[in-house]
Amino acid sequence: MKATRLAIPDVILIEPKVFGDERGFFFESFNHAGFEEIIGRPVKFVQDNHSRSVKGVLRGLHYQIQNPQGKLVRVVQGEVLDVAVDLRRNSPTFGKWVSAKLSAENKAQLWVPEGFAHGFVVLSDSAEFLYKTTDYYAPAYERCISWNDPTLAIEWEISTEPALSQKDSQGKSLLEAEVYS
């Protein structure tokens, strides 16, 4: 696997070694020991999630203010632009964001550690998105930052208004949001 630390070094793009021929392909999508070596600390995943969305759907920017979740995300059908926003107040990159295109074709994964808001927008006709989490979903602690917060100025690479859930359409600005200390 090739691991690349992004502009926020705690967020890591992981690209697998893919073995393929005319019959198809094979790659190791997860290896616990190898993953811990890449991120440099022990990690225990407790939940796997799978979502499907159509073109133009934007999900996020989600986080849990208590029971924060680290997420290892990937796409198995289609393509998304995946975004992580640093919400750790004492971090030198607080309020900064990074993004990566994840697709079934590139088979890349993104490690989004605890302390970050996370979201993605579907760029293809549809996309299936898989992710592992380091803590369980806790709706009482879930928070959402507005996808179009001018303070963040995220470049979503879309030309039309995204389709949002009711919850996501009510996201707060970074200045109003609860963040991690």
Protein backbone atom coordinates (compact mmCIF):
# COMPACT_ATOMS: atom_id res chain seq x y z
CA MET A 1 0.00 0.00 0.00
CA LYS A 2 1.05 3.55 -0.68
CA ALA A 3 0.18 6.06 2.06
CA THR A 4 0.22 9.81 1.42
CA ARG A 5 -0.28 12.37 4.16
CA LEU A 6 -2.38 15.24 2.81
CA ALA A 7 -1.99 18.98 3.58
CA ILE A 8 -3.44 18.15 6.99
CA PRO A 9 -0.97 15.37 7.85
CA ASP A 10 -3.34 13.38 10.08
CA VAL A 11 -5.58 12.73 7.05
CA ILE A 12 -4.03 9.98 4.95
CA LEU A 13 -4.78 8.82 1.40
CA ILE A 14 -4.18 5.08 1.11
CA GLU A 15 -3.73 3.53 -2.32
CA PRO A 16 -3.66 -0.27 -2.54
CA LYS A 17 -1.42 -2.37 -4.71
CA VAL A 18 -3.82 -3.83 -7.30
CA PHE A 19 -3.08 -7.06 -9.15
CA GLY A 20 -5.08 -7.36 -12.33
CA ASP A 21 -5.30 -9.04 -15.70
CA GLU A 22 -7.96 -9.85 -18.30
CA ARG A 23 -9.85 -11.90 -15.68
CA GLY A 24 -10.28 -9.03 -13.23
CA PHE A 25 -8.37 -7.78 -10.21
CA PHE A 26 -7.40 -8.50 -6.63
CA PHE A 27 -6.24 -6.20 -3.86
CA GLU A 28 -6.05 -6.25 -0.09
CA SER A 29 -8.54 -3.59 1.02
CA PHE A 30 -7.68 -3.75 4.71
CA ASN A 31 -4.89 -5.17 6.84
CA HIS A 32 -5.09 -4.21 10.51
CA ALA A 33 -1.36 -4.39 11.26
CA GLY A 34 -0.47 -2.51 8.08
CA PHE A 35 -3.09 0.15 8.76
CA GLU A 36 -1.84 0.76 12.31
CA GLU A 37 1.70 1.04 10.95
CA ILE A 38 0.54 3.68 8.44
CA ILE A 39 -1.26 5.87 10.98
CA GLY A 40 1.20 5.23 13.79
CA ARG A 41 -1.15 4.19 16.58
CA PRO A 42 -3.54 1.41 17.61
CA VAL A 43 -7.03 1.56 16.11
CA LYS A 44 -10.07 -0.56 16.74
CA PHE A 45 -12.93 -0.43 14.24
CA VAL A 46 -16.36 -1.23 15.67
CA GLN A 47 -18.81 -0.55 12.84
CA ASP A 48 -18.98 -0.83 9.03
CA ASN A 49 -21.39 1.35 7.03
CA HIS A 50 -22.51 1.28 3.38
CA SER A 51 -24.45 4.01 1.59
CA ARG A 52 -25.62 4.55 -1.96
CA SER A 53 -26.31 7.99 -3.38
CA VAL A 54 -27.07 9.47 -6.77
CA LYS A 55 -25.20 12.23 -8.61
CA GLY A 56 -25.22 15.57 -6.85
CA VAL A 57 -26.03 14.22 -3.39
CA LEU A 58 -23.87 15.80 -0.72
CA ARG A 59 -23.67 14.12 2.68
CA GLY A 60 -22.05 16.05 5.51
CA LEU A 61 -20.22 17.65 7.04
CA HIS A 62 -20.84 15.25 9.94
CA TYR A 63 -19.09 14.59 13.24
CA GLN A 64 -19.91 13.45 16.78
CA ILE A 65 -18.96 15.93 19.50
CA GLN A 66 -18.78 13.04 21.99
CA ASN A 67 -17.85 9.50 20.99
CA PRO A 68 -15.91 10.92 18.02
CA GLN A 69 -15.44 8.57 15.11
CA GLY A 70 -12.33 7.96 13.07
CA LYS A 71 -13.38 6.81 9.61
CA LEU A 72 -11.67 4.75 6.93
CA VAL A 73 -13.67 5.48 3.78
CA ARG A 74 -13.73 4.12 0.23
CA VAL A 75 -15.94 3.90 -2.84
CA VAL A 76 -16.82 0.58 -4.49
CA GLN A 77 -19.02 1.96 -7.29
CA GLY A 78 -18.83 5.42 -8.86
CA GLU A 79 -16.83 8.46 -7.74
CA VAL A 80 -17.04 11.01 -4.94
CA LEU A 81 -15.14 14.02 -3.72
CA ASP A 82 -14.42 13.29 -0.08
CA VAL A 83 -13.74 16.14 2.38
CA ALA A 84 -12.33 16.28 5.92
CA VAL A 85 -12.38 19.45 8.06
CA ASP A 86 -10.16 19.79 11.13
CA LEU A 87 -12.33 20.70 14.15
CA ARG A 88 -9.61 20.33 16.80
CA ARG A 89 -9.41 23.84 18.27
CA ASN A 90 -5.80 23.41 19.44
CA SER A 91 -4.61 22.08 16.08
CA PRO A 92 -2.44 24.23 13.80
CA THR A 93 -4.80 23.24 10.98
CA PHE A 94 -8.06 24.04 12.84
CA GLY A 95 -10.76 25.10 10.37
CA LYS A 96 -8.76 23.88 7.35
CA TRP A 97 -9.97 21.19 4.98
CA VAL A 98 -8.54 18.62 2.60
CA SER A 99 -10.18 16.57 -0.12
CA ALA A 100 -9.53 13.56 -2.31
CA LYS A 101 -11.37 11.89 -5.15
CA LEU A 102 -12.28 8.33 -4.26
CA SER A 103 -13.63 5.96 -6.88
CA ALA A 104 -14.19 2.34 -7.75
CA GLU A 105 -11.53 2.85 -10.41
CA ASN A 106 -8.73 4.22 -8.21
CA LYS A 107 -9.67 2.02 -5.21
CA ALA A 108 -8.15 4.64 -2.88
CA GLN A 109 -9.20 5.02 0.74
CA LEU A 110 -9.07 8.01 3.05
CA TRP A 111 -8.33 7.90 6.77
CA VAL A 112 -10.25 10.66 8.54
CA PRO A 113 -9.24 10.62 12.21
CA GLU A 114 -11.30 11.54 15.23
CA GLY A 115 -11.67 15.32 15.60
CA PHE A 116 -12.70 15.96 12.00
CA ALA A 117 -15.99 16.70 10.25
CA HIS A 118 -16.47 14.52 7.19
CA GLY A 119 -18.56 14.74 4.04
CA PHE A 120 -18.67 13.80 0.39
CA VAL A 121 -20.45 14.72 -2.83
CA VAL A 122 -21.25 12.21 -5.58
CA LEU A 123 -19.63 13.10 -8.91
CA SER A 124 -20.74 10.06 -10.95
CA ASP A 125 -24.31 8.96 -11.81
CA SER A 126 -24.34 7.10 -8.49
CA ALA A 127 -21.85 5.93 -5.89
CA GLU A 128 -21.62 3.27 -3.23
CA PHE A 129 -19.61 4.43 -0.24
CA LEU A 130 -18.18 2.12 2.46
CA TYR A 131 -16.62 3.14 5.73
CA LYS A 132 -15.33 1.70 8.95
CA THR A 133 -15.70 3.69 12.19
CA THR A 134 -13.77 3.65 15.45
CA ASP A 135 -16.85 4.34 17.58
CA TYR A 136 -20.55 3.62 17.31
CA TYR A 137 -23.07 6.00 15.80
CA ALA A 138 -24.42 8.19 18.61
CA PRO A 139 -27.24 10.37 17.24
CA ALA A 140 -27.47 12.48 20.43
CA TYR A 141 -23.91 13.72 19.80
CA GLU A 142 -24.07 14.07 16.02
CA ARG A 143 -23.40 17.54 14.67
CA CYS A 144 -23.30 19.02 11.17
CA ILE A 145 -21.37 21.92 9.69
CA SER A 146 -22.84 23.64 6.65
CA TRP A 147 -21.36 22.35 3.41
CA ASN A 148 -21.21 25.89 2.00
CA ASP A 149 -19.85 27.74 5.04
CA PRO A 150 -17.98 30.75 3.60
CA THR A 151 -15.42 30.55 6.42
CA LEU A 152 -14.37 27.12 5.13
CA ALA A 153 -14.80 27.92 1.40
CA ILE A 154 -14.66 24.25 0.41
CA GLU A 155 -14.19 23.66 -3.32
CA TRP A 156 -16.74 20.89 -3.89
CA GLU A 157 -16.10 20.70 -7.66
CA ILE A 158 -19.80 20.83 -8.50
CA SER A 159 -21.60 23.35 -10.71
CA THR A 160 -25.14 22.95 -9.37
CA GLU A 161 -26.70 23.12 -5.93
CA PRO A 162 -26.29 19.70 -4.24
CA ALA A 163 -29.13 17.53 -3.00
CA LEU A 164 -29.11 17.59 0.82
CA SER A 165 -30.97 15.80 3.58
CA GLN A 166 -33.12 17.88 5.92
CA LYS A 167 -30.46 17.50 8.62
CA ASP A 168 -27.62 18.55 6.32
CA SER A 169 -29.53 21.60 5.08
CA GLN A 170 -29.56 22.86 8.68
CA GLY A 171 -25.81 22.59 9.26
CA LYS A 172 -24.16 25.30 11.35
CA SER A 173 -21.29 27.55 10.40
CA LEU A 174 -17.86 26.75 11.79
CA LEU A 175 -18.11 29.87 13.97
CA GLU A 176 -21.36 28.61 15.58
CA ALA A 177 -20.46 24.92 15.78
CA GLU A 178 -19.33 22.92 18.76
CA VAL A 179 -15.74 21.83 18.17
CA TYR A 180 -13.17 19.67 19.92
CA SER A 181 -10.87 21.25 22.51
